[in-house]
Amino acid sequence: MVAEYIYEPLLGMYAFELFTKYKTKDKYVPLVAIVSPVICYVLKYYSQIIFGGY
């Protein structure tokens, strides 16, 4: 369960680098790696409240 919150954002960053010509700024990668699992957890936990039952 914890792995889905960690690996999906990291795979997203990898895919972003792989499929676009944009380069990430190295100083923001740790921030994204920490904040994105928290955002994913909050959205999953509160999704019924936030999205009106979906």
PDB file of N, CA and C in Angstrom:
ATOM      1  N   MET A   1       0.824  -1.192   0.000  1.00  0.00           N
ATOM      2  CA  MET A   1       0.000   0.000   0.000  1.00  0.00           C
ATOM      3  C   MET A   1       0.870   1.259   0.000  1.00  0.00           C
ATOM      4  N   VAL A   2       1.908   1.255   0.775  1.00  0.00           N
ATOM      5  CA  VAL A   2       2.793   2.418   0.830  1.00  0.00           C
ATOM      6  C   VAL A   2       3.529   2.582  -0.492  1.00  0.00           C
ATOM      7  N   ALA A   3       3.830   1.473  -1.137  1.00  0.00           N
ATOM      8  CA  ALA A   3       4.596   1.526  -2.380  1.00  0.00           C
ATOM      9  C   ALA A   3       3.869   2.293  -3.472  1.00  0.00           C
ATOM     10  N   GLU A   4       2.539   2.204  -3.515  1.00  0.00           N
ATOM     11  CA  GLU A   4       1.825   2.923  -4.578  1.00  0.00           C
ATOM     12  C   GLU A   4       1.925   4.430  -4.407  1.00  0.00           C
ATOM     13  N   TYR A   5       2.053   4.897  -3.190  1.00  0.00           N
ATOM     14  CA  TYR A   5       2.204   6.334  -2.963  1.00  0.00           C
ATOM     15  C   TYR A   5       3.616   6.812  -3.287  1.00  0.00           C
ATOM     16  N   ILE A   6       4.582   5.922  -3.228  1.00  0.00           N
ATOM     17  CA  ILE A   6       5.964   6.307  -3.467  1.00  0.00           C
ATOM     18  C   ILE A   6       6.364   6.110  -4.923  1.00  0.00           C
ATOM     19  N   TYR A   7       6.039   4.954  -5.498  1.00  0.00           N
ATOM     20  CA  TYR A   7       6.536   4.623  -6.831  1.00  0.00           C
ATOM     21  C   TYR A   7       5.814   5.363  -7.953  1.00  0.00           C
ATOM     22  N   GLU A   8       4.521   5.599  -7.820  1.00  0.00           N
ATOM     23  CA  GLU A   8       3.792   6.270  -8.899  1.00  0.00           C
ATOM     24  C   GLU A   8       4.312   7.679  -9.176  1.00  0.00           C
ATOM     25  N   PRO A   9       4.518   8.527  -8.173  1.00  0.00           N
ATOM     26  CA  PRO A   9       5.090   9.847  -8.468  1.00  0.00           C
ATOM     27  C   PRO A   9       6.502   9.775  -9.041  1.00  0.00           C
ATOM     28  N   LEU A  10       7.302   8.823  -8.567  1.00  0.00           N
ATOM     29  CA  LEU A  10       8.657   8.685  -9.107  1.00  0.00           C
ATOM     30  C   LEU A  10       8.615   8.219 -10.560  1.00  0.00           C
ATOM     31  N   LEU A  11       7.710   7.311 -10.873  1.00  0.00           N
ATOM     32  CA  LEU A  11       7.550   6.883 -12.258  1.00  0.00           C
ATOM     33  C   LEU A  11       7.049   8.032 -13.127  1.00  0.00           C
ATOM     34  N   GLY A  12       6.210   8.874 -12.573  1.00  0.00           N
ATOM     35  CA  GLY A  12       5.728  10.040 -13.302  1.00  0.00           C
ATOM     36  C   GLY A  12       6.855  11.005 -13.628  1.00  0.00           C
ATOM     37  N   MET A  13       7.741  11.238 -12.668  1.00  0.00           N
ATOM     38  CA  MET A  13       8.883  12.113 -12.938  1.00  0.00           C
ATOM     39  C   MET A  13       9.808  11.500 -13.988  1.00  0.00           C
ATOM     40  N   TYR A  14      10.006  10.178 -13.907  1.00  0.00           N
ATOM     41  CA  TYR A  14      10.838   9.506 -14.896  1.00  0.00           C
ATOM     42  C   TYR A  14      10.227   9.608 -16.290  1.00  0.00           C
ATOM     43  N   ALA A  15       8.923   9.363 -16.391  1.00  0.00           N
ATOM     44  CA  ALA A  15       8.242   9.448 -17.685  1.00  0.00           C
ATOM     45  C   ALA A  15       8.273  10.869 -18.229  1.00  0.00           C
ATOM     46  N   PHE A  16       8.147  11.852 -17.354  1.00  0.00           N
ATOM     47  CA  PHE A  16       8.216  13.248 -17.779  1.00  0.00           C
ATOM     48  C   PHE A  16       9.557  13.539 -18.432  1.00  0.00           C
ATOM     49  N   GLU A  17      10.635  13.101 -17.795  1.00  0.00           N
ATOM     50  CA  GLU A  17      11.981  13.309 -18.350  1.00  0.00           C
ATOM     51  C   GLU A  17      12.172  12.536 -19.650  1.00  0.00           C
ATOM     52  N   LEU A  18      11.608  11.335 -19.711  1.00  0.00           N
ATOM     53  CA  LEU A  18      11.823  10.458 -20.848  1.00  0.00           C
ATOM     54  C   LEU A  18      11.076  10.921 -22.095  1.00  0.00           C
ATOM     55  N   PHE A  19       9.849  11.396 -21.928  1.00  0.00           N
ATOM     56  CA  PHE A  19       8.987  11.684 -23.070  1.00  0.00           C
ATOM     57  C   PHE A  19       8.864  13.164 -23.424  1.00  0.00           C
ATOM     58  N   THR A  20       9.468  14.045 -22.659  1.00  0.00           N
ATOM     59  CA  THR A  20       9.427  15.465 -23.001  1.00  0.00           C
ATOM     60  C   THR A  20      10.854  15.982 -23.163  1.00  0.00           C
ATOM     61  N   LYS A  21      10.955  17.155 -23.726  1.00  0.00           N
ATOM     62  CA  LYS A  21      12.271  17.770 -23.895  1.00  0.00           C
ATOM     63  C   LYS A  21      12.632  18.671 -22.715  1.00  0.00           C
ATOM     64  N   TYR A  22      11.684  18.831 -21.786  1.00  0.00           N
ATOM     65  CA  TYR A  22      11.950  19.652 -20.613  1.00  0.00           C
ATOM     66  C   TYR A  22      12.855  18.902 -19.650  1.00  0.00           C
ATOM     67  N   LYS A  23      13.678  19.627 -18.973  1.00  0.00           N
ATOM     68  CA  LYS A  23      14.551  19.054 -17.964  1.00  0.00           C
ATOM     69  C   LYS A  23      14.093  19.527 -16.593  1.00  0.00           C
ATOM     70  N   THR A  24      14.088  18.619 -15.648  1.00  0.00           N
ATOM     71  CA  THR A  24      13.688  18.992 -14.300  1.00  0.00           C
ATOM     72  C   THR A  24      14.828  19.733 -13.608  1.00  0.00           C
ATOM     73  N   LYS A  25      14.461  20.559 -12.677  1.00  0.00           N
ATOM     74  CA  LYS A  25      15.451  21.246 -11.872  1.00  0.00           C
ATOM     75  C   LYS A  25      15.759  20.342 -10.675  1.00  0.00           C
ATOM     76  N   ASP A  26      17.015  19.998 -10.531  1.00  0.00           N
ATOM     77  CA  ASP A  26      17.413  19.007  -9.536  1.00  0.00           C
ATOM     78  C   ASP A  26      17.031  19.385  -8.110  1.00  0.00           C
ATOM     79  N   LYS A  27      16.955  20.667  -7.826  1.00  0.00           N
ATOM     80  CA  LYS A  27      16.640  21.049  -6.449  1.00  0.00           C
ATOM     81  C   LYS A  27      15.176  20.792  -6.105  1.00  0.00           C
ATOM     82  N   TYR A  28      14.291  20.633  -7.112  1.00  0.00           N
ATOM     83  CA  TYR A  28      12.877  20.392  -6.845  1.00  0.00           C
ATOM     84  C   TYR A  28      12.506  18.917  -6.796  1.00  0.00           C
ATOM     85  N   VAL A  29      13.364  18.028  -7.238  1.00  0.00           N
ATOM     86  CA  VAL A  29      13.052  16.597  -7.269  1.00  0.00           C
ATOM     87  C   VAL A  29      12.801  16.043  -5.862  1.00  0.00           C
ATOM     88  N   PRO A  30      13.623  16.316  -4.862  1.00  0.00           N
ATOM     89  CA  PRO A  30      13.307  15.803  -3.516  1.00  0.00           C
ATOM     90  C   PRO A  30      11.988  16.350  -2.968  1.00  0.00           C
ATOM     91  N   LEU A  31      11.706  17.609  -3.257  1.00  0.00           N
ATOM     92  CA  LEU A  31      10.448  18.195  -2.804  1.00  0.00           C
ATOM     93  C   LEU A  31       9.253  17.476  -3.437  1.00  0.00           C
ATOM     94  N   VAL A  32       9.317  17.245  -4.730  1.00  0.00           N
ATOM     95  CA  VAL A  32       8.242  16.537  -5.421  1.00  0.00           C
ATOM     96  C   VAL A  32       8.127  15.107  -4.910  1.00  0.00           C
ATOM     97  N   ALA A  33       9.259  14.466  -4.652  1.00  0.00           N
ATOM     98  CA  ALA A  33       9.251  13.089  -4.168  1.00  0.00           C
ATOM     99  C   ALA A  33       8.629  12.974  -2.780  1.00  0.00           C
ATOM    100  N   ILE A  34       8.692  14.019  -1.988  1.00  0.00           N
ATOM    101  CA  ILE A  34       8.105  13.993  -0.648  1.00  0.00           C
ATOM    102  C   ILE A  34       6.657  14.470  -0.655  1.00  0.00           C
ATOM    103  N   VAL A  35       6.366  15.534  -1.389  1.00  0.00           N
ATOM    104  CA  VAL A  35       5.038  16.143  -1.361  1.00  0.00           C
ATOM    105  C   VAL A  35       4.013  15.333  -2.160  1.00  0.00           C
ATOM    106  N   SER A  36       4.402  14.760  -3.275  1.00  0.00           N
ATOM    107  CA  SER A  36       3.430  14.072  -4.119  1.00  0.00           C
ATOM    108  C   SER A  36       2.794  12.848  -3.452  1.00  0.00           C
ATOM    109  N   PRO A  37       3.518  12.011  -2.693  1.00  0.00           N
ATOM    110  CA  PRO A  37       2.819  10.930  -1.997  1.00  0.00           C
ATOM    111  C   PRO A  37       1.824  11.438  -0.958  1.00  0.00           C
ATOM    112  N   VAL A  38       2.159  12.547  -0.314  1.00  0.00           N
ATOM    113  CA  VAL A  38       1.234  13.131   0.662  1.00  0.00           C
ATOM    114  C   VAL A  38      -0.030  13.609  -0.033  1.00  0.00           C
ATOM    115  N   ILE A  39       0.114  14.271  -1.168  1.00  0.00           N
ATOM    116  CA  ILE A  39      -1.050  14.736  -1.926  1.00  0.00           C
ATOM    117  C   ILE A  39      -1.883  13.555  -2.403  1.00  0.00           C
ATOM    118  N   CYS A  40      -1.237  12.498  -2.889  1.00  0.00           N
ATOM    119  CA  CYS A  40      -1.964  11.302  -3.340  1.00  0.00           C
ATOM    120  C   CYS A  40      -2.752  10.679  -2.194  1.00  0.00           C
ATOM    121  N   TYR A  41      -2.148  10.598  -1.017  1.00  0.00           N
ATOM    122  CA  TYR A  41      -2.839  10.032   0.141  1.00  0.00           C
ATOM    123  C   TYR A  41      -4.039  10.880   0.537  1.00  0.00           C
ATOM    124  N   VAL A  42      -3.862  12.177   0.584  1.00  0.00           N
ATOM    125  CA  VAL A  42      -4.963  13.070   0.968  1.00  0.00           C
ATOM    126  C   VAL A  42      -6.103  12.974  -0.041  1.00  0.00           C
ATOM    127  N   LEU A  43      -5.777  12.957  -1.335  1.00  0.00           N
ATOM    128  CA  LEU A  43      -6.823  12.841  -2.348  1.00  0.00           C
ATOM    129  C   LEU A  43      -7.550  11.504  -2.255  1.00  0.00           C
ATOM    130  N   LYS A  44      -6.833  10.433  -1.988  1.00  0.00           N
ATOM    131  CA  LYS A  44      -7.481   9.131  -1.862  1.00  0.00           C
ATOM    132  C   LYS A  44      -8.350   9.076  -0.612  1.00  0.00           C
ATOM    133  N   TYR A  45      -7.864   9.610   0.484  1.00  0.00           N
ATOM    134  CA  TYR A  45      -8.591   9.558   1.753  1.00  0.00           C
ATOM    135  C   TYR A  45      -9.844  10.431   1.728  1.00  0.00           C
ATOM    136  N   TYR A  46      -9.748  11.617   1.138  1.00  0.00           N
ATOM    137  CA  TYR A  46     -10.853  12.568   1.135  1.00  0.00           C
ATOM    138  C   TYR A  46     -11.561  12.668  -0.217  1.00  0.00           C
ATOM    139  N   SER A  47     -11.388  11.709  -1.099  1.00  0.00           N
ATOM    140  CA  SER A  47     -11.937  11.830  -2.449  1.00  0.00           C
ATOM    141  C   SER A  47     -13.459  11.913  -2.480  1.00  0.00           C
ATOM    142  N   GLN A  48     -14.134  11.201  -1.589  1.00  0.00           N
ATOM    143  CA  GLN A  48     -15.592  11.279  -1.577  1.00  0.00           C
ATOM    144  C   GLN A  48     -16.068  12.646  -1.138  1.00  0.00           C
ATOM    145  N   ILE A  49     -15.376  13.246  -0.229  1.00  0.00           N
ATOM    146  CA  ILE A  49     -15.759  14.581   0.248  1.00  0.00           C
ATOM    147  C   ILE A  49     -15.416  15.639  -0.804  1.00  0.00           C
ATOM    148  N   ILE A  50     -14.215  15.551  -1.364  1.00  0.00           N
ATOM    149  CA  ILE A  50     -13.739  16.563  -2.308  1.00  0.00           C
ATOM    150  C   ILE A  50     -14.526  16.511  -3.615  1.00  0.00           C
ATOM    151  N   PHE A  51     -14.749  15.305  -4.133  1.00  0.00           N
ATOM    152  CA  PHE A  51     -15.360  15.160  -5.448  1.00  0.00           C
ATOM    153  C   PHE A  51     -16.838  14.813  -5.413  1.00  0.00           C
ATOM    154  N   GLY A  52     -17.473  14.944  -4.283  1.00  0.00           N
ATOM    155  CA  GLY A  52     -18.914  14.757  -4.172  1.00  0.00           C
ATOM    156  C   GLY A  52     -19.367  13.320  -4.373  1.00  0.00           C
ATOM    157  N   GLY A  53     -18.672  12.371  -3.793  1.00  0.00           N
ATOM    158  CA  GLY A  53     -19.108  10.981  -3.825  1.00  0.00           C
ATOM    159  C   GLY A  53     -18.456  10.113  -4.878  1.00  0.00           C
ATOM    160  N   TYR A  54     -17.558  10.670  -5.669  1.00  0.00           N
ATOM    161  CA  TYR A  54     -16.883   9.852  -6.683  1.00  0.00           C
ATOM    162  C   TYR A  54     -15.618   9.267  -6.142  1.00  0.00           C
TER     163      TYR A  54
END
